[in-house]
Amino acid sequence: MTYPRNSMNAQVFGWRSRLKAVLIVGGLLSAWVTDAHAQINPFRGYKGPVLSKEDLAAGRAAAGKLLTEDQAQVGKSEDWAGPTSGNTGNISVQREFQRQGLECRTLRSEVRYKKAPTSSPRILNLDVCRIKTGEWKLL
């Protein structure tokens, strides 16, 4: 099919070409951002049970107890329980160390899900350091 060459057709075909180019570039950028996000997300592909906001708050409170004690010894632990989910966990101090002059600790988190009572606990080790303001930050 041939189209007569006039200014209206040139404008329409030019617009379609630009639209195609924008869509192709947008698609490539979208794929690149998705791939980059997947590379830095340590939980990509995880399909198991998850913690509720209340569970996370209970876990943070348990970790906070260990971090507010200046002399929390290696091996000390705090238990937590989700108020509505039935999920439970334990946070323990695994080691103390210095990094760039900051006081740091490795905390081990063990989570047991009510919906998966026979499975092994989900374990995560976290390094945290106390910054100059006194707050503990995840490394």
N, C-alpha and C. Protein backbone atom coordinates (compact mmCIF):
# COMPACT_ATOMS: atom_id res chain seq x y z
N MET A 1 0.85 -1.15 0.00
CA MET A 1 0.00 0.00 0.00
C MET A 1 0.91 1.23 0.00
N THR A 2 0.66 2.14 -0.90
CA THR A 2 1.43 3.37 -0.95
C THR A 2 0.55 4.53 -0.58
N TYR A 3 1.16 5.47 0.07
CA TYR A 3 0.44 6.66 0.49
C TYR A 3 0.97 7.85 -0.28
N PRO A 4 0.09 8.73 -0.66
CA PRO A 4 0.58 9.92 -1.34
C PRO A 4 1.44 10.75 -0.40
N ARG A 5 2.48 11.33 -0.93
CA ARG A 5 3.38 12.14 -0.12
C ARG A 5 2.82 13.55 -0.07
N ASN A 6 2.23 13.89 1.01
CA ASN A 6 1.85 15.27 1.24
C ASN A 6 2.21 15.63 2.66
N SER A 7 2.04 16.85 3.04
CA SER A 7 2.50 17.29 4.36
C SER A 7 1.73 16.62 5.48
N MET A 8 0.45 16.30 5.30
CA MET A 8 -0.33 15.65 6.35
C MET A 8 0.18 14.24 6.61
N ASN A 9 0.44 13.46 5.56
CA ASN A 9 0.97 12.11 5.73
C ASN A 9 2.35 12.15 6.36
N ALA A 10 3.16 13.06 6.00
CA ALA A 10 4.50 13.18 6.57
C ALA A 10 4.41 13.45 8.07
N GLN A 11 3.45 14.27 8.47
CA GLN A 11 3.29 14.57 9.89
C GLN A 11 2.81 13.33 10.66
N VAL A 12 1.83 12.60 10.07
CA VAL A 12 1.31 11.40 10.73
C VAL A 12 2.39 10.34 10.85
N PHE A 13 3.11 10.07 9.76
CA PHE A 13 4.15 9.04 9.81
C PHE A 13 5.29 9.46 10.71
N GLY A 14 5.64 10.73 10.74
CA GLY A 14 6.68 11.23 11.63
C GLY A 14 6.28 11.05 13.10
N TRP A 15 5.03 11.31 13.39
CA TRP A 15 4.52 11.16 14.75
C TRP A 15 4.54 9.70 15.18
N ARG A 16 4.15 8.81 14.28
CA ARG A 16 4.16 7.38 14.60
C ARG A 16 5.58 6.88 14.84
N SER A 17 6.51 7.34 14.07
CA SER A 17 7.91 6.94 14.24
C SER A 17 8.44 7.41 15.59
N ARG A 18 8.11 8.65 15.94
CA ARG A 18 8.56 9.17 17.24
C ARG A 18 7.91 8.39 18.39
N LEU A 19 6.63 8.06 18.25
CA LEU A 19 5.94 7.30 19.28
C LEU A 19 6.58 5.92 19.45
N LYS A 20 6.88 5.25 18.34
CA LYS A 20 7.55 3.94 18.42
C LYS A 20 8.89 4.06 19.13
N ALA A 21 9.64 5.08 18.80
CA ALA A 21 10.96 5.27 19.42
C ALA A 21 10.81 5.50 20.92
N VAL A 22 9.84 6.31 21.32
CA VAL A 22 9.61 6.58 22.75
C VAL A 22 9.21 5.29 23.46
N LEU A 23 8.32 4.50 22.86
CA LEU A 23 7.88 3.25 23.48
C LEU A 23 9.03 2.26 23.61
N ILE A 24 9.87 2.17 22.61
CA ILE A 24 11.01 1.25 22.66
C ILE A 24 11.98 1.67 23.75
N VAL A 25 12.33 2.96 23.79
CA VAL A 25 13.25 3.46 24.81
C VAL A 25 12.64 3.28 26.20
N GLY A 26 11.35 3.59 26.34
CA GLY A 26 10.67 3.41 27.64
C GLY A 26 10.69 1.96 28.09
N GLY A 27 10.45 1.05 27.15
CA GLY A 27 10.49 -0.38 27.48
C GLY A 27 11.86 -0.83 27.92
N LEU A 28 12.89 -0.35 27.22
CA LEU A 28 14.26 -0.71 27.61
C LEU A 28 14.61 -0.16 28.98
N LEU A 29 14.24 1.09 29.25
CA LEU A 29 14.50 1.67 30.57
C LEU A 29 13.76 0.91 31.65
N SER A 30 12.51 0.55 31.39
CA SER A 30 11.73 -0.20 32.36
C SER A 30 12.38 -1.55 32.67
N ALA A 31 12.83 -2.25 31.64
CA ALA A 31 13.49 -3.54 31.85
C ALA A 31 14.78 -3.37 32.63
N TRP A 32 15.54 -2.31 32.33
CA TRP A 32 16.80 -2.08 33.03
C TRP A 32 16.55 -1.80 34.50
N VAL A 33 15.56 -0.97 34.83
CA VAL A 33 15.25 -0.66 36.23
C VAL A 33 14.78 -1.90 36.95
N THR A 34 13.95 -2.72 36.32
CA THR A 34 13.46 -3.95 36.94
C THR A 34 14.61 -4.90 37.22
N ASP A 35 15.52 -5.06 36.26
CA ASP A 35 16.68 -5.94 36.46
C ASP A 35 17.55 -5.43 37.59
N ALA A 36 17.79 -4.12 37.65
CA ALA A 36 18.62 -3.55 38.71
C ALA A 36 17.97 -3.76 40.06
N HIS A 37 16.66 -3.58 40.15
CA HIS A 37 15.97 -3.78 41.42
C HIS A 37 16.07 -5.24 41.86
N ALA A 38 15.92 -6.16 40.93
CA ALA A 38 15.99 -7.58 41.27
C ALA A 38 17.36 -7.97 41.78
N GLN A 39 18.41 -7.30 41.28
CA GLN A 39 19.75 -7.63 41.71
C GLN A 39 20.01 -7.21 43.15
N ILE A 40 19.37 -6.14 43.63
CA ILE A 40 19.64 -5.66 44.97
C ILE A 40 18.60 -6.12 45.98
N ASN A 41 17.57 -6.81 45.54
CA ASN A 41 16.53 -7.28 46.45
C ASN A 41 16.88 -8.70 46.91
N PRO A 42 17.31 -8.86 48.17
CA PRO A 42 17.71 -10.20 48.62
C PRO A 42 16.54 -11.16 48.78
N PHE A 43 15.31 -10.66 48.76
CA PHE A 43 14.15 -11.52 48.97
C PHE A 43 13.39 -11.81 47.68
N ARG A 44 13.98 -11.45 46.53
CA ARG A 44 13.26 -11.69 45.27
C ARG A 44 13.02 -13.20 45.13
N GLY A 45 11.85 -13.53 44.70
CA GLY A 45 11.51 -14.92 44.50
C GLY A 45 11.01 -15.63 45.76
N TYR A 46 11.04 -14.94 46.92
CA TYR A 46 10.58 -15.57 48.16
C TYR A 46 9.06 -15.70 48.11
N LYS A 47 8.55 -16.89 48.35
CA LYS A 47 7.12 -17.12 48.27
C LYS A 47 6.54 -17.67 49.57
N GLY A 48 7.30 -17.61 50.63
CA GLY A 48 6.85 -18.14 51.91
C GLY A 48 6.00 -17.15 52.69
N PRO A 49 5.70 -17.49 53.94
CA PRO A 49 4.89 -16.60 54.77
C PRO A 49 5.63 -15.30 55.06
N VAL A 50 4.89 -14.26 55.39
CA VAL A 50 5.47 -12.96 55.67
C VAL A 50 5.01 -12.47 57.04
N LEU A 51 5.70 -11.49 57.56
CA LEU A 51 5.37 -10.92 58.86
C LEU A 51 4.41 -9.74 58.70
N SER A 52 3.51 -9.61 59.66
CA SER A 52 2.59 -8.47 59.65
C SER A 52 3.29 -7.25 60.24
N LYS A 53 2.65 -6.09 60.15
CA LYS A 53 3.21 -4.87 60.74
C LYS A 53 3.38 -5.04 62.25
N GLU A 54 2.43 -5.72 62.88
CA GLU A 54 2.51 -5.96 64.32
C GLU A 54 3.68 -6.88 64.67
N ASP A 55 3.92 -7.89 63.83
CA ASP A 55 5.07 -8.79 64.02
C ASP A 55 6.37 -8.01 63.94
N LEU A 56 6.47 -7.16 62.92
CA LEU A 56 7.68 -6.38 62.74
C LEU A 56 7.91 -5.44 63.92
N ALA A 57 6.84 -4.85 64.43
CA ALA A 57 6.96 -3.95 65.58
C ALA A 57 7.44 -4.73 66.81
N ALA A 58 6.91 -5.93 67.02
CA ALA A 58 7.34 -6.75 68.15
C ALA A 58 8.81 -7.15 68.01
N GLY A 59 9.24 -7.49 66.80
CA GLY A 59 10.63 -7.84 66.56
C GLY A 59 11.55 -6.65 66.77
N ARG A 60 11.12 -5.46 66.31
CA ARG A 60 11.92 -4.25 66.53
C ARG A 60 12.05 -3.93 68.01
N ALA A 61 10.97 -4.13 68.76
CA ALA A 61 11.02 -3.87 70.21
C ALA A 61 12.01 -4.82 70.89
N ALA A 62 12.01 -6.09 70.48
CA ALA A 62 12.94 -7.05 71.07
C ALA A 62 14.38 -6.67 70.74
N ALA A 63 14.64 -6.28 69.49
CA ALA A 63 15.98 -5.85 69.10
C ALA A 63 16.36 -4.58 69.84
N GLY A 64 15.41 -3.68 70.01
CA GLY A 64 15.67 -2.44 70.73
C GLY A 64 16.12 -2.67 72.15
N LYS A 65 15.55 -3.67 72.82
CA LYS A 65 15.98 -3.99 74.18
C LYS A 65 17.46 -4.39 74.21
N LEU A 66 17.86 -5.17 73.22
CA LEU A 66 19.26 -5.61 73.17
C LEU A 66 20.20 -4.47 72.81
N LEU A 67 19.71 -3.52 72.05
CA LEU A 67 20.58 -2.43 71.60
C LEU A 67 20.64 -1.27 72.61
N THR A 68 19.63 -1.14 73.45
CA THR A 68 19.67 -0.05 74.43
C THR A 68 20.52 -0.41 75.64
N GLU A 69 20.76 -1.68 75.84
CA GLU A 69 21.66 -2.08 76.92
C GLU A 69 23.08 -1.93 76.43
N ASP A 70 23.84 -1.04 77.07
CA ASP A 70 25.21 -0.79 76.62
C ASP A 70 26.10 -2.02 76.76
N GLN A 71 25.79 -2.87 77.69
CA GLN A 71 26.64 -4.04 77.91
C GLN A 71 25.93 -5.34 77.55
N ALA A 72 25.07 -5.31 76.53
CA ALA A 72 24.40 -6.55 76.12
C ALA A 72 25.47 -7.55 75.70
N GLN A 73 25.55 -8.64 76.40
CA GLN A 73 26.59 -9.64 76.18
C GLN A 73 26.24 -10.53 75.00
N VAL A 74 27.29 -11.04 74.37
CA VAL A 74 27.10 -12.01 73.31
C VAL A 74 26.33 -13.19 73.89
N GLY A 75 25.31 -13.64 73.20
CA GLY A 75 24.48 -14.74 73.68
C GLY A 75 23.18 -14.28 74.31
N LYS A 76 23.09 -13.02 74.70
CA LYS A 76 21.84 -12.52 75.28
C LYS A 76 20.77 -12.48 74.20
N SER A 77 19.53 -12.80 74.57
CA SER A 77 18.47 -12.85 73.57
C SER A 77 17.16 -12.31 74.12
N GLU A 78 16.29 -11.95 73.23
CA GLU A 78 14.94 -11.48 73.55
C GLU A 78 13.96 -12.19 72.64
N ASP A 79 12.87 -12.70 73.22
CA ASP A 79 11.80 -13.33 72.45
C ASP A 79 10.74 -12.29 72.11
N TRP A 80 10.00 -12.55 71.04
CA TRP A 80 8.86 -11.71 70.70
C TRP A 80 7.75 -12.60 70.15
N ALA A 81 6.53 -12.11 70.20
CA ALA A 81 5.38 -12.83 69.65
C ALA A 81 4.45 -11.82 68.99
N GLY A 82 3.98 -12.17 67.80
CA GLY A 82 3.02 -11.31 67.10
C GLY A 82 1.70 -11.35 67.83
N PRO A 83 1.11 -10.20 68.11
CA PRO A 83 -0.11 -10.15 68.91
C PRO A 83 -1.33 -10.79 68.24
N THR A 84 -1.40 -10.81 66.93
CA THR A 84 -2.57 -11.39 66.27
C THR A 84 -2.24 -12.53 65.32
N SER A 85 -1.01 -12.59 64.82
CA SER A 85 -0.66 -13.58 63.80
C SER A 85 -0.30 -14.94 64.37
N GLY A 86 0.19 -14.97 65.59
CA GLY A 86 0.69 -16.21 66.16
C GLY A 86 2.13 -16.51 65.78
N ASN A 87 2.75 -15.66 64.97
CA ASN A 87 4.15 -15.81 64.63
C ASN A 87 5.01 -15.45 65.84
N THR A 88 6.15 -16.10 65.98
CA THR A 88 7.05 -15.83 67.11
C THR A 88 8.48 -15.71 66.59
N GLY A 89 9.33 -15.19 67.45
CA GLY A 89 10.72 -15.07 67.05
C GLY A 89 11.63 -14.82 68.23
N ASN A 90 12.90 -14.78 67.91
CA ASN A 90 13.94 -14.55 68.90
C ASN A 90 15.03 -13.74 68.23
N ILE A 91 15.54 -12.73 68.95
CA ILE A 91 16.66 -11.92 68.49
C ILE A 91 17.78 -12.14 69.49
N SER A 92 18.98 -12.43 69.01
CA SER A 92 20.11 -12.63 69.93
C SER A 92 21.36 -11.91 69.44
N VAL A 93 22.21 -11.54 70.40
CA VAL A 93 23.48 -10.89 70.07
C VAL A 93 24.48 -12.00 69.76
N GLN A 94 25.03 -11.98 68.55
CA GLN A 94 25.98 -13.00 68.12
C GLN A 94 27.43 -12.58 68.35
N ARG A 95 27.71 -11.30 68.15
CA ARG A 95 29.06 -10.81 68.37
C ARG A 95 29.04 -9.29 68.49
N GLU A 96 30.10 -8.77 69.09
CA GLU A 96 30.32 -7.33 69.18
C GLU A 96 31.62 -7.03 68.44
N PHE A 97 31.65 -5.91 67.75
CA PHE A 97 32.87 -5.55 67.01
C PHE A 97 32.90 -4.06 66.76
N GLN A 98 34.02 -3.58 66.29
CA GLN A 98 34.20 -2.17 65.93
C GLN A 98 34.32 -2.07 64.42
N ARG A 99 33.71 -1.06 63.85
CA ARG A 99 33.86 -0.79 62.42
C ARG A 99 33.99 0.72 62.25
N GLN A 100 35.11 1.13 61.74
CA GLN A 100 35.41 2.55 61.51
C GLN A 100 35.16 3.36 62.78
N GLY A 101 35.57 2.82 63.91
CA GLY A 101 35.45 3.51 65.18
C GLY A 101 34.06 3.47 65.81
N LEU A 102 33.13 2.74 65.21
CA LEU A 102 31.77 2.66 65.73
C LEU A 102 31.57 1.34 66.47
N GLU A 103 30.77 1.39 67.53
CA GLU A 103 30.38 0.17 68.25
C GLU A 103 29.34 -0.57 67.41
N CYS A 104 29.58 -1.85 67.15
CA CYS A 104 28.68 -2.62 66.29
C CYS A 104 28.34 -3.97 66.93
N ARG A 105 27.23 -4.53 66.50
CA ARG A 105 26.81 -5.86 66.95
C ARG A 105 26.19 -6.62 65.78
N THR A 106 26.36 -7.91 65.81
CA THR A 106 25.65 -8.78 64.88
C THR A 106 24.49 -9.38 65.63
N LEU A 107 23.28 -9.16 65.10
CA LEU A 107 22.07 -9.73 65.69
C LEU A 107 21.58 -10.86 64.80
N ARG A 108 21.14 -11.94 65.45
CA ARG A 108 20.57 -13.08 64.72
C ARG A 108 19.08 -13.10 64.99
N SER A 109 18.31 -13.10 63.93
CA SER A 109 16.85 -13.14 64.04
C SER A 109 16.36 -14.50 63.59
N GLU A 110 15.58 -15.15 64.44
CA GLU A 110 14.94 -16.41 64.09
C GLU A 110 13.44 -16.20 64.15
N VAL A 111 12.74 -16.51 63.07
CA VAL A 111 11.30 -16.32 62.99
C VAL A 111 10.63 -17.66 62.76
N ARG A 112 9.59 -17.93 63.54
CA ARG A 112 8.77 -19.14 63.37
C ARG A 112 7.37 -18.70 62.99
N TYR A 113 6.89 -19.22 61.87
CA TYR A 113 5.57 -18.84 61.37
C TYR A 113 4.51 -19.83 61.84
N LYS A 114 3.40 -19.32 62.32
CA LYS A 114 2.31 -20.17 62.79
C LYS A 114 1.78 -21.04 61.64
N LYS A 115 1.76 -20.50 60.44
CA LYS A 115 1.23 -21.23 59.29
C LYS A 115 2.18 -22.32 58.80
N ALA A 116 3.41 -22.33 59.30
CA ALA A 116 4.39 -23.35 58.89
C ALA A 116 5.09 -23.88 60.14
N PRO A 117 4.34 -24.50 61.07
CA PRO A 117 4.91 -24.89 62.36
C PRO A 117 5.98 -25.97 62.27
N THR A 118 5.96 -26.79 61.24
CA THR A 118 6.94 -27.88 61.17
C THR A 118 8.21 -27.48 60.42
N SER A 119 8.19 -26.32 59.78
CA SER A 119 9.38 -25.91 59.02
C SER A 119 10.43 -25.30 59.96
N SER A 120 11.64 -25.25 59.47
CA SER A 120 12.73 -24.64 60.23
C SER A 120 12.48 -23.14 60.36
N PRO A 121 13.00 -22.54 61.42
CA PRO A 121 12.82 -21.08 61.54
C PRO A 121 13.57 -20.36 60.43
N ARG A 122 13.06 -19.22 60.05
CA ARG A 122 13.75 -18.37 59.06
C ARG A 122 14.78 -17.54 59.81
N ILE A 123 16.03 -17.63 59.39
CA ILE A 123 17.14 -17.00 60.11
C ILE A 123 17.74 -15.90 59.26
N LEU A 124 18.01 -14.77 59.92
CA LEU A 124 18.64 -13.64 59.25
C LEU A 124 19.63 -13.01 60.22
N ASN A 125 20.87 -12.81 59.77
CA ASN A 125 21.89 -12.14 60.57
C ASN A 125 22.01 -10.70 60.09
N LEU A 126 22.00 -9.77 61.04
CA LEU A 126 22.05 -8.35 60.72
C LEU A 126 23.18 -7.68 61.48
N ASP A 127 23.99 -6.90 60.80
CA ASP A 127 25.02 -6.09 61.44
C ASP A 127 24.48 -4.69 61.63
N VAL A 128 24.56 -4.19 62.86
CA VAL A 128 24.11 -2.84 63.18
C VAL A 128 25.22 -2.11 63.92
N CYS A 129 25.32 -0.81 63.69
CA CYS A 129 26.33 0.00 64.37
C CYS A 129 25.68 1.24 64.96
N ARG A 130 26.24 1.68 66.09
CA ARG A 130 25.74 2.89 66.74
C ARG A 130 26.46 4.09 66.12
N ILE A 131 25.67 4.99 65.53
CA ILE A 131 26.26 6.17 64.91
C ILE A 131 26.42 7.27 65.96
N LYS A 132 27.01 8.39 65.58
CA LYS A 132 27.34 9.45 66.53
C LYS A 132 26.13 10.02 67.25
N THR A 133 24.95 9.95 66.67
CA THR A 133 23.74 10.46 67.33
C THR A 133 23.22 9.50 68.40
N GLY A 134 23.81 8.31 68.47
CA GLY A 134 23.36 7.31 69.44
C GLY A 134 22.41 6.29 68.85
N GLU A 135 21.93 6.53 67.63
CA GLU A 135 21.02 5.60 66.98
C GLU A 135 21.78 4.41 66.41
N TRP A 136 21.10 3.26 66.34
CA TRP A 136 21.68 2.07 65.73
C TRP A 136 21.19 2.00 64.30
N LYS A 137 22.13 1.79 63.38
CA LYS A 137 21.78 1.72 61.96
C LYS A 137 22.24 0.40 61.38
N LEU A 138 21.40 -0.14 60.51
CA LEU A 138 21.71 -1.38 59.80
C LEU A 138 22.80 -1.10 58.78
N LEU A 139 23.79 -1.99 58.72
CA LEU A 139 24.86 -1.81 57.73
C LEU A 139 24.46 -2.38 56.40
